[in-house]
């Protein structure tokens, strides 16, 4: 009796590792920088500064939204309320917080 051979399972195709790609790019950049340093140490320092400035510029430009976005719009009816507190500068460098009760705002000059 002969056994039937099972077909060999196909190997899974995996994507190359991103860390491996980063390692290869870092090694290539290091080799290039080494070549520039061998030619001129001052030029190598300049290359490092330019690369750092470019990386910083790219990092700052990639931030799409502000870290502190605008506050949400005022809910209906909330605009008619007085602020809960007021900050008053009594003298230079000294501020006092005056608390107020919440309630409907009145027009100026009509306070009772």
N, C-alpha and C. Protein backbone atom coordinates (compact mmCIF):
# COMPACT_ATOMS: atom_id res chain seq x y z
N UNK A 1 0.84 -1.16 0.00
CA UNK A 1 0.00 0.00 0.00
C UNK A 1 0.89 1.23 0.00
N UNK A 2 0.52 2.08 -0.84
CA UNK A 2 1.32 3.30 -0.92
C UNK A 2 0.55 4.47 -0.28
N UNK A 3 1.34 5.27 0.37
CA UNK A 3 0.73 6.44 1.00
C UNK A 3 0.74 7.58 0.02
N UNK A 4 -0.29 8.34 0.04
CA UNK A 4 -0.33 9.51 -0.82
C UNK A 4 0.48 10.62 -0.16
N UNK A 5 1.26 11.27 -0.95
CA UNK A 5 2.04 12.39 -0.41
C UNK A 5 1.15 13.61 -0.30
N UNK A 6 1.27 14.21 0.83
CA UNK A 6 0.53 15.45 1.02
C UNK A 6 1.31 16.58 0.37
N UNK A 7 0.62 17.47 -0.24
CA UNK A 7 1.35 18.61 -0.82
C UNK A 7 1.94 19.46 0.31
N UNK A 8 3.13 19.93 0.07
CA UNK A 8 3.79 20.75 1.10
C UNK A 8 3.04 22.07 1.25
N UNK A 9 2.83 22.48 2.49
CA UNK A 9 2.11 23.76 2.68
C UNK A 9 2.94 24.91 2.13
N UNK A 10 2.25 25.81 1.49
CA UNK A 10 2.94 26.96 0.92
C UNK A 10 3.42 27.87 2.05
N UNK A 11 4.64 28.34 1.95
CA UNK A 11 5.11 29.24 3.01
C UNK A 11 4.34 30.55 2.96
N UNK A 12 4.08 31.06 4.15
CA UNK A 12 3.34 32.33 4.24
C UNK A 12 4.24 33.47 3.78
N UNK A 13 3.66 34.33 2.99
CA UNK A 13 4.42 35.49 2.56
C UNK A 13 4.26 36.57 3.63
N UNK A 14 5.38 36.95 4.21
CA UNK A 14 5.35 37.96 5.25
C UNK A 14 5.96 39.24 4.72
N UNK A 15 5.45 40.34 5.21
CA UNK A 15 6.03 41.63 4.84
C UNK A 15 7.35 41.79 5.58
N UNK A 16 8.30 42.45 4.97
CA UNK A 16 9.57 42.67 5.66
C UNK A 16 9.34 43.54 6.90
N UNK A 17 10.16 43.32 7.87
CA UNK A 17 10.04 44.04 9.13
C UNK A 17 10.39 45.52 8.93
N UNK A 18 9.59 46.41 9.52
CA UNK A 18 9.89 47.84 9.45
C UNK A 18 11.16 48.15 10.23
N UNK A 19 11.38 47.41 11.32
CA UNK A 19 12.60 47.63 12.10
C UNK A 19 13.83 47.23 11.27
N UNK A 20 13.70 46.17 10.51
CA UNK A 20 14.80 45.76 9.65
C UNK A 20 15.10 46.80 8.58
N UNK A 21 14.06 47.37 8.00
CA UNK A 21 14.25 48.43 7.02
C UNK A 21 14.90 49.65 7.63
N UNK A 22 14.47 50.00 8.85
CA UNK A 22 15.07 51.14 9.54
C UNK A 22 16.54 50.88 9.84
N UNK A 23 16.86 49.64 10.19
CA UNK A 23 18.25 49.29 10.48
C UNK A 23 19.11 49.42 9.22
N UNK A 24 18.59 48.98 8.10
CA UNK A 24 19.34 49.08 6.84
C UNK A 24 19.54 50.54 6.47
N UNK A 25 18.48 51.37 6.58
CA UNK A 25 18.62 52.79 6.25
C UNK A 25 19.59 53.50 7.19
N UNK A 26 19.57 53.13 8.46
CA UNK A 26 20.50 53.74 9.42
C UNK A 26 21.94 53.35 9.08
N UNK A 27 22.15 52.09 8.72
CA UNK A 27 23.50 51.65 8.36
C UNK A 27 23.99 52.38 7.10
N UNK A 28 23.10 52.55 6.12
CA UNK A 28 23.49 53.27 4.90
C UNK A 28 23.80 54.74 5.20
N UNK A 29 22.97 55.35 6.03
CA UNK A 29 23.21 56.75 6.39
C UNK A 29 24.51 56.88 7.17
N UNK A 30 24.79 55.94 8.07
CA UNK A 30 26.04 55.97 8.82
C UNK A 30 27.25 55.79 7.93
N UNK A 31 27.12 54.91 6.94
CA UNK A 31 28.23 54.71 6.00
C UNK A 31 28.46 55.97 5.17
N UNK A 32 27.39 56.61 4.75
CA UNK A 32 27.51 57.85 3.99
C UNK A 32 28.13 58.95 4.82
N UNK A 33 27.68 59.06 6.06
CA UNK A 33 28.25 60.07 6.96
C UNK A 33 29.71 59.77 7.24
N UNK A 34 30.06 58.51 7.35
CA UNK A 34 31.47 58.14 7.54
C UNK A 34 32.32 58.56 6.36
N UNK A 35 31.78 58.41 5.16
CA UNK A 35 32.50 58.84 3.96
C UNK A 35 32.69 60.35 3.94
N UNK A 36 31.65 61.08 4.31
CA UNK A 36 31.76 62.54 4.36
C UNK A 36 32.77 62.95 5.43
N UNK A 37 32.73 62.26 6.58
CA UNK A 37 33.67 62.58 7.67
C UNK A 37 35.11 62.31 7.24
N UNK A 38 35.32 61.24 6.47
CA UNK A 38 36.67 60.92 6.00
C UNK A 38 37.18 62.03 5.07
N UNK A 39 36.27 62.61 4.29
CA UNK A 39 36.66 63.68 3.39
C UNK A 39 36.86 65.00 4.14
N UNK A 40 35.91 65.33 5.04
CA UNK A 40 36.00 66.60 5.76
C UNK A 40 35.17 66.52 7.03
N UNK A 41 35.83 66.52 8.21
CA UNK A 41 35.06 66.47 9.47
C UNK A 41 34.10 67.65 9.62
N UNK A 42 34.47 68.83 9.16
CA UNK A 42 33.59 69.99 9.27
C UNK A 42 32.33 69.79 8.42
N UNK A 43 32.49 69.21 7.26
CA UNK A 43 31.33 68.95 6.40
C UNK A 43 30.41 67.92 7.05
N UNK A 44 30.97 66.94 7.72
CA UNK A 44 30.16 65.93 8.40
C UNK A 44 29.32 66.56 9.51
N UNK A 45 29.93 67.50 10.25
CA UNK A 45 29.17 68.20 11.30
C UNK A 45 28.03 68.99 10.66
N UNK A 46 28.32 69.64 9.53
CA UNK A 46 27.27 70.38 8.82
C UNK A 46 26.15 69.48 8.35
N UNK A 47 26.51 68.31 7.85
CA UNK A 47 25.49 67.36 7.40
C UNK A 47 24.60 66.93 8.56
N UNK A 48 25.20 66.68 9.72
CA UNK A 48 24.41 66.28 10.89
C UNK A 48 23.47 67.40 11.30
N UNK A 49 23.94 68.64 11.30
CA UNK A 49 23.09 69.78 11.66
C UNK A 49 21.94 69.93 10.67
N UNK A 50 22.22 69.83 9.40
CA UNK A 50 21.17 69.98 8.39
C UNK A 50 20.15 68.85 8.51
N UNK A 51 20.62 67.63 8.72
CA UNK A 51 19.71 66.49 8.88
C UNK A 51 18.84 66.66 10.13
N UNK A 52 19.43 67.14 11.22
CA UNK A 52 18.66 67.37 12.44
C UNK A 52 17.63 68.46 12.26
N UNK A 53 18.02 69.55 11.60
CA UNK A 53 17.08 70.65 11.36
C UNK A 53 15.94 70.18 10.45
N UNK A 54 16.27 69.39 9.45
CA UNK A 54 15.24 68.87 8.56
C UNK A 54 14.28 67.94 9.29
N UNK A 55 14.80 67.10 10.16
CA UNK A 55 13.94 66.20 10.93
C UNK A 55 13.03 66.98 11.88
N UNK A 56 13.59 68.01 12.50
CA UNK A 56 12.79 68.84 13.41
C UNK A 56 11.70 69.57 12.64
N UNK A 57 12.04 70.12 11.48
CA UNK A 57 11.06 70.84 10.67
C UNK A 57 9.94 69.90 10.24
N UNK A 58 10.31 68.69 9.81
CA UNK A 58 9.30 67.73 9.38
C UNK A 58 8.40 67.32 10.55
N UNK A 59 8.98 67.15 11.72
CA UNK A 59 8.18 66.76 12.89
C UNK A 59 7.20 67.85 13.28
N UNK A 60 7.62 69.11 13.19
CA UNK A 60 6.70 70.19 13.56
C UNK A 60 5.63 70.38 12.50
N UNK A 61 5.94 70.14 11.25
CA UNK A 61 4.95 70.31 10.19
C UNK A 61 3.95 69.16 10.16
N UNK A 62 4.27 68.03 10.76
CA UNK A 62 3.36 66.89 10.71
C UNK A 62 2.24 67.00 11.74
N UNK A 63 2.31 67.94 12.67
CA UNK A 63 1.25 68.12 13.66
C UNK A 63 0.13 68.88 12.97
N UNK A 64 -0.97 68.23 12.71
CA UNK A 64 -2.07 68.82 11.96
C UNK A 64 -2.97 69.68 12.84
N UNK A 65 -3.22 69.25 14.06
CA UNK A 65 -4.16 69.95 14.93
C UNK A 65 -3.42 70.55 16.11
N UNK A 66 -3.94 71.63 16.61
CA UNK A 66 -3.33 72.27 17.77
C UNK A 66 -3.47 71.36 18.98
N UNK A 67 -2.51 71.45 19.87
CA UNK A 67 -2.56 70.62 21.08
C UNK A 67 -3.71 71.08 21.98
N UNK A 68 -4.04 72.35 21.91
CA UNK A 68 -5.12 72.89 22.72
C UNK A 68 -6.17 73.49 21.78
N UNK A 69 -7.12 72.68 21.32
CA UNK A 69 -8.08 73.16 20.34
C UNK A 69 -9.02 74.22 20.93
N UNK A 70 -9.74 74.89 20.08
CA UNK A 70 -10.69 75.90 20.53
C UNK A 70 -11.75 75.25 21.41
N UNK A 71 -12.28 75.99 22.37
CA UNK A 71 -13.31 75.42 23.23
C UNK A 71 -14.58 75.13 22.43
N UNK A 72 -15.39 74.22 22.92
CA UNK A 72 -16.63 73.91 22.20
C UNK A 72 -17.56 75.12 22.22
N UNK A 73 -18.50 75.20 21.30
CA UNK A 73 -19.40 76.34 21.28
C UNK A 73 -20.26 76.39 22.54
N UNK A 74 -20.69 77.60 22.88
CA UNK A 74 -21.49 77.80 24.08
C UNK A 74 -22.85 77.16 23.86
N UNK A 75 -23.31 76.40 24.86
CA UNK A 75 -24.61 75.76 24.74
C UNK A 75 -25.72 76.81 24.82
N UNK A 76 -26.87 76.45 24.31
CA UNK A 76 -27.98 77.39 24.26
C UNK A 76 -28.40 77.79 25.67
N UNK A 77 -28.53 79.05 25.89
CA UNK A 77 -28.93 79.55 27.21
C UNK A 77 -27.75 79.87 28.12
N UNK A 78 -26.60 79.30 27.83
CA UNK A 78 -25.44 79.55 28.68
C UNK A 78 -24.89 80.95 28.47
N UNK A 79 -25.15 81.54 27.31
CA UNK A 79 -24.65 82.88 27.04
C UNK A 79 -25.36 83.93 27.88
N UNK A 80 -26.52 83.58 28.43
CA UNK A 80 -27.28 84.53 29.24
C UNK A 80 -26.86 84.53 30.70
N UNK A 81 -25.89 83.72 31.07
CA UNK A 81 -25.47 83.63 32.46
C UNK A 81 -24.27 84.54 32.70
N UNK A 82 -24.17 85.02 33.94
CA UNK A 82 -23.00 85.80 34.32
C UNK A 82 -21.82 84.86 34.49
N UNK A 83 -20.60 85.36 34.36
CA UNK A 83 -19.46 84.50 34.67
C UNK A 83 -19.46 84.13 36.14
N UNK A 84 -18.91 82.99 36.43
CA UNK A 84 -18.90 82.52 37.81
C UNK A 84 -17.91 83.29 38.66
N UNK A 85 -16.85 83.80 38.05
CA UNK A 85 -15.87 84.57 38.80
C UNK A 85 -15.24 85.61 37.89
N UNK A 86 -14.64 86.60 38.51
CA UNK A 86 -13.92 87.64 37.79
C UNK A 86 -12.56 87.79 38.44
N UNK A 87 -11.52 87.94 37.62
CA UNK A 87 -10.17 88.14 38.14
C UNK A 87 -9.86 89.62 38.03
N UNK A 88 -9.51 90.24 39.15
CA UNK A 88 -9.22 91.67 39.19
C UNK A 88 -7.77 91.84 39.63
N UNK A 89 -7.02 92.67 38.89
CA UNK A 89 -5.64 92.95 39.27
C UNK A 89 -5.66 94.17 40.19
N UNK A 90 -5.48 93.95 41.51
CA UNK A 90 -5.52 95.04 42.50
C UNK A 90 -4.32 95.95 42.34
N UNK A 91 -3.17 95.39 42.34
CA UNK A 91 -1.93 96.14 42.15
C UNK A 91 -1.03 95.28 41.28
N UNK A 92 0.05 95.85 40.82
CA UNK A 92 0.91 95.16 39.88
C UNK A 92 1.42 93.83 40.45
N UNK A 93 1.15 92.75 39.71
CA UNK A 93 1.60 91.43 40.12
C UNK A 93 0.71 90.75 41.14
N UNK A 94 -0.43 91.35 41.51
CA UNK A 94 -1.32 90.76 42.52
C UNK A 94 -2.73 90.73 41.97
N UNK A 95 -3.31 89.56 41.88
CA UNK A 95 -4.67 89.42 41.36
C UNK A 95 -5.60 88.88 42.43
N UNK A 96 -6.84 89.31 42.37
CA UNK A 96 -7.86 88.84 43.29
C UNK A 96 -8.99 88.23 42.48
N UNK A 97 -9.53 87.12 42.98
CA UNK A 97 -10.65 86.48 42.31
C UNK A 97 -11.92 86.85 43.08
N UNK A 98 -12.88 87.45 42.37
CA UNK A 98 -14.16 87.82 42.97
C UNK A 98 -15.20 86.84 42.46
N UNK A 99 -15.80 86.09 43.39
CA UNK A 99 -16.79 85.09 43.03
C UNK A 99 -18.16 85.74 42.92
N UNK A 100 -18.98 85.24 42.00
CA UNK A 100 -20.33 85.76 41.82
C UNK A 100 -21.30 84.60 41.77
N UNK A 101 -22.52 84.87 42.12
CA UNK A 101 -23.55 83.85 41.97
C UNK A 101 -23.91 83.76 40.51
N UNK A 102 -24.30 82.58 40.09
CA UNK A 102 -24.71 82.39 38.70
C UNK A 102 -26.17 82.80 38.58
N UNK A 103 -26.48 83.41 37.47
CA UNK A 103 -27.85 83.80 37.23
C UNK A 103 -27.93 84.49 35.88
N UNK A 104 -29.13 84.88 35.49
CA UNK A 104 -29.26 85.53 34.20
C UNK A 104 -28.53 86.86 34.20
N UNK A 105 -27.92 87.17 33.10
CA UNK A 105 -27.22 88.44 32.97
C UNK A 105 -28.21 89.57 32.80
N UNK A 106 -27.88 90.72 33.33
CA UNK A 106 -28.74 91.88 33.18
C UNK A 106 -28.03 92.89 32.31
N UNK A 107 -28.80 93.72 31.69
CA UNK A 107 -28.20 94.73 30.83
C UNK A 107 -27.46 95.73 31.68
N UNK A 108 -26.38 96.34 31.16
CA UNK A 108 -25.63 97.30 31.94
C UNK A 108 -26.51 98.50 32.33
N UNK A 109 -26.39 98.91 33.58
CA UNK A 109 -27.15 100.05 34.09
C UNK A 109 -28.52 99.68 34.61
N UNK A 110 -28.91 98.39 34.49
CA UNK A 110 -30.23 98.00 34.98
C UNK A 110 -30.15 97.12 36.20
N UNK A 111 -28.94 97.03 36.78
CA UNK A 111 -28.80 96.18 37.96
C UNK A 111 -29.50 96.83 39.12
N UNK A 112 -30.16 96.03 39.91
CA UNK A 112 -30.99 96.55 40.98
C UNK A 112 -30.31 96.55 42.25
